[in-house]
C-alpha atoms as a PDB file:
ATOM      1  CA  MET A   1     123.419 105.795 112.514  1.00  0.00           C
ATOM      2  CA  THR A   2     122.286 105.109 116.028  1.00  0.00           C
ATOM      3  CA  PHE A   3     118.707 103.062 116.802  1.00  0.00           C
ATOM      4  CA  ASP A   4     117.745 107.292 118.403  1.00  0.00           C
ATOM      5  CA  GLY A   5     118.887 108.074 115.260  1.00  0.00           C
ATOM      6  CA  THR A   6     116.620 106.022 112.794  1.00  0.00           C
ATOM      7  CA  VAL A   7     113.687 106.275 115.114  1.00  0.00           C
ATOM      8  CA  GLU A   8     113.908 109.670 115.466  1.00  0.00           C
ATOM      9  CA  ALA A   9     114.209 109.747 110.997  1.00  0.00           C
ATOM     10  CA  VAL A  10     111.404 107.386 110.982  1.00  0.00           C
ATOM     11  CA  ASN A  11     108.814 109.285 113.015  1.00  0.00           C
ATOM     12  CA  ARG A  12     110.136 112.639 111.027  1.00  0.00           C
ATOM     13  CA  THR A  13     108.952 110.663 107.598  1.00  0.00           C
ATOM     14  CA  MET A  14     105.323 109.914 109.593  1.00  0.00           C
ATOM     15  CA  ALA A  15     104.893 112.778 110.318  1.00  0.00           C
ATOM     16  CA  ALA A  16     105.324 114.094 106.985  1.00  0.00           C
ATOM     17  CA  PHE A  17     103.238 111.004 105.705  1.00  0.00           C
ATOM     18  CA  ASP A  18     100.410 111.768 108.048  1.00  0.00           C
ATOM     19  CA  LEU A  19      99.923 115.028 106.869  1.00  0.00           C
ATOM     20  CA  ALA A  20      99.631 114.349 103.310  1.00  0.00           C
ATOM     21  CA  LEU A  21      97.445 111.135 104.080  1.00  0.00           C
ATOM     22  CA  GLY A  22      94.961 112.968 106.019  1.00  0.00           C
ATOM     23  CA  THR A  23      94.916 116.586 103.355  1.00  0.00           C
ATOM     24  CA  GLY A  24      94.491 114.237 100.661  1.00  0.00           C
ATOM     25  CA  ALA A  25      91.200 111.942 102.337  1.00  0.00           C
ATOM     26  CA  LEU A  26      90.230 115.192 102.881  1.00  0.00           C
ATOM     27  CA  VAL A  27      90.251 117.263  99.802  1.00  0.00           C
ATOM     28  CA  ALA A  28      90.982 115.151  96.792  1.00  0.00           C
ATOM     29  CA  PRO A  29      89.983 111.771  98.000  1.00  0.00           C
ATOM     30  CA  ASP A  30      89.577 110.081  94.395  1.00  0.00           C
ATOM     31  CA  ALA A  31      92.986 110.477  93.450  1.00  0.00           C
ATOM     32  CA  THR A  32      94.244 109.545  97.600  1.00  0.00           C
ATOM     33  CA  LEU A  33      92.202 106.309  97.150  1.00  0.00           C
ATOM     34  CA  ARG A  34      93.619 105.900  93.055  1.00  0.00           C
ATOM     35  CA  ALA A  35      97.325 105.787  94.319  1.00  0.00           C
ATOM     36  CA  LEU A  36      96.293 103.783  97.609  1.00  0.00           C
ATOM     37  CA  GLY A  37      95.093 101.542  94.942  1.00  0.00           C
ATOM     38  CA  HIS A  38      91.530 101.355  95.126  1.00  0.00           C
ATOM     39  CA  ALA A  39      88.920 101.113  92.031  1.00  0.00           C
ATOM     40  CA  GLU A  40      86.771 104.307  91.835  1.00  0.00           C
ATOM     41  CA  PRO A  41      85.053 104.661  94.959  1.00  0.00           C
ATOM     42  CA  SER A  42      81.125 104.415  95.258  1.00  0.00           C
ATOM     43  CA  PRO A  43      80.013 107.553  97.512  1.00  0.00           C
ATOM     44  CA  ASP A  44      79.513 106.155 101.080  1.00  0.00           C
ATOM     45  CA  ALA A  45      83.407 104.775 100.323  1.00  0.00           C
ATOM     46  CA  ARG A  46      84.775 107.778 100.002  1.00  0.00           C
ATOM     47  CA  ALA A  47      82.874 109.661 102.671  1.00  0.00           C
ATOM     48  CA  LEU A  48      83.935 107.141 104.750  1.00  0.00           C
ATOM     49  CA  PHE A  49      87.458 107.378 103.388  1.00  0.00           C
ATOM     50  CA  ARG A  50      87.311 111.740 104.374  1.00  0.00           C
ATOM     51  CA  ARG A  51      86.319 110.555 107.445  1.00  0.00           C
ATOM     52  CA  CYS A  52      89.198 109.057 108.141  1.00  0.00           C
ATOM     53  CA  GLY A  53      91.370 112.375 107.395  1.00  0.00           C
ATOM     54  CA  PRO A  54      91.363 114.338 110.658  1.00  0.00           C
ATOM     55  CA  ILE A  55      92.356 111.007 112.257  1.00  0.00           C
ATOM     56  CA  TRP A  56      95.561 111.040 110.267  1.00  0.00           C
ATOM     57  CA  LEU A  57      95.924 114.507 110.888  1.00  0.00           C
ATOM     58  CA  THR A  58      95.764 114.059 114.475  1.00  0.00           C
ATOM     59  CA  PHE A  59      98.366 111.167 113.741  1.00  0.00           C
ATOM     60  CA  ALA A  60     100.560 113.692 111.971  1.00  0.00           C
ATOM     61  CA  ALA A  61     100.169 116.310 114.920  1.00  0.00           C
ATOM     62  CA  ALA A  62     101.366 113.434 117.999  1.00  0.00           C
ATOM     63  CA  HIS A  63     104.369 112.861 115.241  1.00  0.00           C
ATOM     64  CA  ALA A  64     105.094 116.422 115.406  1.00  0.00           C
ATOM     65  CA  VAL A  65     104.809 116.842 119.211  1.00  0.00           C
ATOM     66  CA  ALA A  66     107.219 114.102 119.475  1.00  0.00           C
ATOM     67  CA  ALA A  67     110.125 115.514 117.076  1.00  0.00           C
ATOM     68  CA  ALA A  68     109.393 118.726 119.024  1.00  0.00           C
ATOM     69  CA  ARG A  69     109.615 117.849 122.616  1.00  0.00           C
ATOM     70  CA  GLY A  70     110.655 114.174 122.392  1.00  0.00           C
ATOM     71  CA  ALA A  71     109.733 113.501 125.641  1.00  0.00           C
ATOM     72  CA  PRO A  72     108.909 109.436 126.864  1.00  0.00           C
ATOM     73  CA  ARG A  73     105.713 109.872 127.000  1.00  0.00           C
ATOM     74  CA  ASP A  74     105.574 111.463 123.675  1.00  0.00           C
ATOM     75  CA  TRP A  75     107.085 108.020 122.265  1.00  0.00           C
ATOM     76  CA  TRP A  76     104.393 105.924 123.794  1.00  0.00           C
ATOM     77  CA  ALA A  77     101.635 108.281 122.831  1.00  0.00           C
ATOM     78  CA  LEU A  78     103.502 106.946 119.415  1.00  0.00           C
ATOM     79  CA  ALA A  79     103.346 103.643 119.925  1.00  0.00           C
ATOM     80  CA  TRP A  80     100.036 103.084 121.647  1.00  0.00           C
ATOM     81  CA  LEU A  81      98.830 104.774 118.106  1.00  0.00           C
ATOM     82  CA  ARG A  82     100.615 102.915 115.768  1.00  0.00           C
ATOM     83  CA  ALA A  83      99.477 100.032 117.746  1.00  0.00           C
ATOM     84  CA  THR A  84      96.129 100.701 116.734  1.00  0.00           C
ATOM     85  CA  GLU A  85      96.924 100.605 113.185  1.00  0.00           C
ATOM     86  CA  ILE A  86      98.647  97.252 112.646  1.00  0.00           C
ATOM     87  CA  ALA A  87      95.560  95.562 111.737  1.00  0.00           C
ATOM     88  CA  THR A  88      93.022  98.260 110.168  1.00  0.00           C
ATOM     89  CA  ASP A  89      95.197  98.257 106.638  1.00  0.00           C
ATOM     90  CA  VAL A  90      95.092  94.114 106.353  1.00  0.00           C
ATOM     91  CA  VAL A  91      91.714  94.193 106.950  1.00  0.00           C
ATOM     92  CA  TRP A  92      90.943  96.309 104.780  1.00  0.00           C
ATOM     93  CA  ALA A  93      93.073  94.335 101.741  1.00  0.00           C
ATOM     94  CA  SER A  94      91.735  91.323 102.782  1.00  0.00           C
ATOM     95  CA  ALA A  95      88.113  92.237 102.890  1.00  0.00           C
ATOM     96  CA  SER A  96      87.716  95.118  99.907  1.00  0.00           C
ATOM     97  CA  PRO A  97      86.845  93.729  96.370  1.00  0.00           C
ATOM     98  CA  SER A  98      88.188  97.442  95.469  1.00  0.00           C
ATOM     99  CA  ILE A  99      91.702  97.188  96.252  1.00  0.00           C
ATOM    100  CA  ALA A 100      92.060  96.615  92.631  1.00  0.00           C
ATOM    101  CA  ARG A 101      95.722  97.919  91.725  1.00  0.00           C
ATOM    102  CA  ARG A 102      98.131  94.774  91.386  1.00  0.00           C
ATOM    103  CA  GLY A 103     100.371  94.477  94.147  1.00  0.00           C
ATOM    104  CA  ALA A 104      98.375  97.146  96.503  1.00  0.00           C
ATOM    105  CA  ARG A 105      97.256  94.524  98.902  1.00  0.00           C
ATOM    106  CA  ALA A 106     100.716  93.033  99.727  1.00  0.00           C
ATOM    107  CA  VAL A 107     101.871  96.749 100.037  1.00  0.00           C
ATOM    108  CA  LEU A 108      99.034  97.260 102.878  1.00  0.00           C
ATOM    109  CA  TRP A 109      99.945  94.007 104.570  1.00  0.00           C
ATOM    110  CA  GLY A 110     103.106  95.570 104.834  1.00  0.00           C
ATOM    111  CA  ALA A 111     101.456  99.005 106.415  1.00  0.00           C
ATOM    112  CA  GLY A 112     100.558  96.123 109.376  1.00  0.00           C
ATOM    113  CA  ALA A 113     103.967  95.332 109.381  1.00  0.00           C
ATOM    114  CA  GLY A 114     105.507  98.711 109.235  1.00  0.00           C
ATOM    115  CA  ASN A 115     102.860  99.745 112.113  1.00  0.00           C
ATOM    116  CA  LEU A 116     103.834  96.448 114.178  1.00  0.00           C
ATOM    117  CA  ALA A 117     107.719  97.983 114.175  1.00  0.00           C
ATOM    118  CA  MET A 118     106.987 101.559 114.720  1.00  0.00           C
ATOM    119  CA  ALA A 119     105.082 100.768 117.604  1.00  0.00           C
ATOM    120  CA  LEU A 120     107.582  98.820 119.005  1.00  0.00           C
ATOM    121  CA  ALA A 121     110.484 101.117 118.042  1.00  0.00           C
ATOM    122  CA  PHE A 122     108.279 104.204 119.466  1.00  0.00           C
ATOM    123  CA  GLY A 123     107.856 102.059 122.552  1.00  0.00           C
ATOM    124  CA  ARG A 124     111.729 101.768 123.043  1.00  0.00           C
ATOM    125  CA  ARG A 125     112.744 104.754 122.368  1.00  0.00           C
ATOM    126  CA  GLY A 126     109.918 105.786 124.792  1.00  0.00           C
ATOM    127  CA  ARG A 127     111.795 104.044 127.723  1.00  0.00           C
ATOM    128  CA  ARG A 128     115.474 106.065 126.940  1.00  0.00           C
END
């Protein structure tokens, strides 16, 4: 598979992932948090997580636009969006005592690395 083909496949995957994450945060925050390795959330943790649902749905929409239109500006927008997420999961994994499931912290750290890789790849795709 070519570089562009790989980036486009990752983009489609992230559109689906962010759609699922955003929807889950809004309609089933406890189950979604549990799937991410979080312990039973306090009411404020649940509300803060639900607050992120529309953010992730916006990410899903941006990925869908890039998949449909594929203009350089779409890929640059995704690069910036993913760059904003490089540290968020790392901070959460490092600071939250409620990340309880074994391996969940490592997965969240990996999400930071994944966001860095996507930011770079989407930016490169935007230069074509």
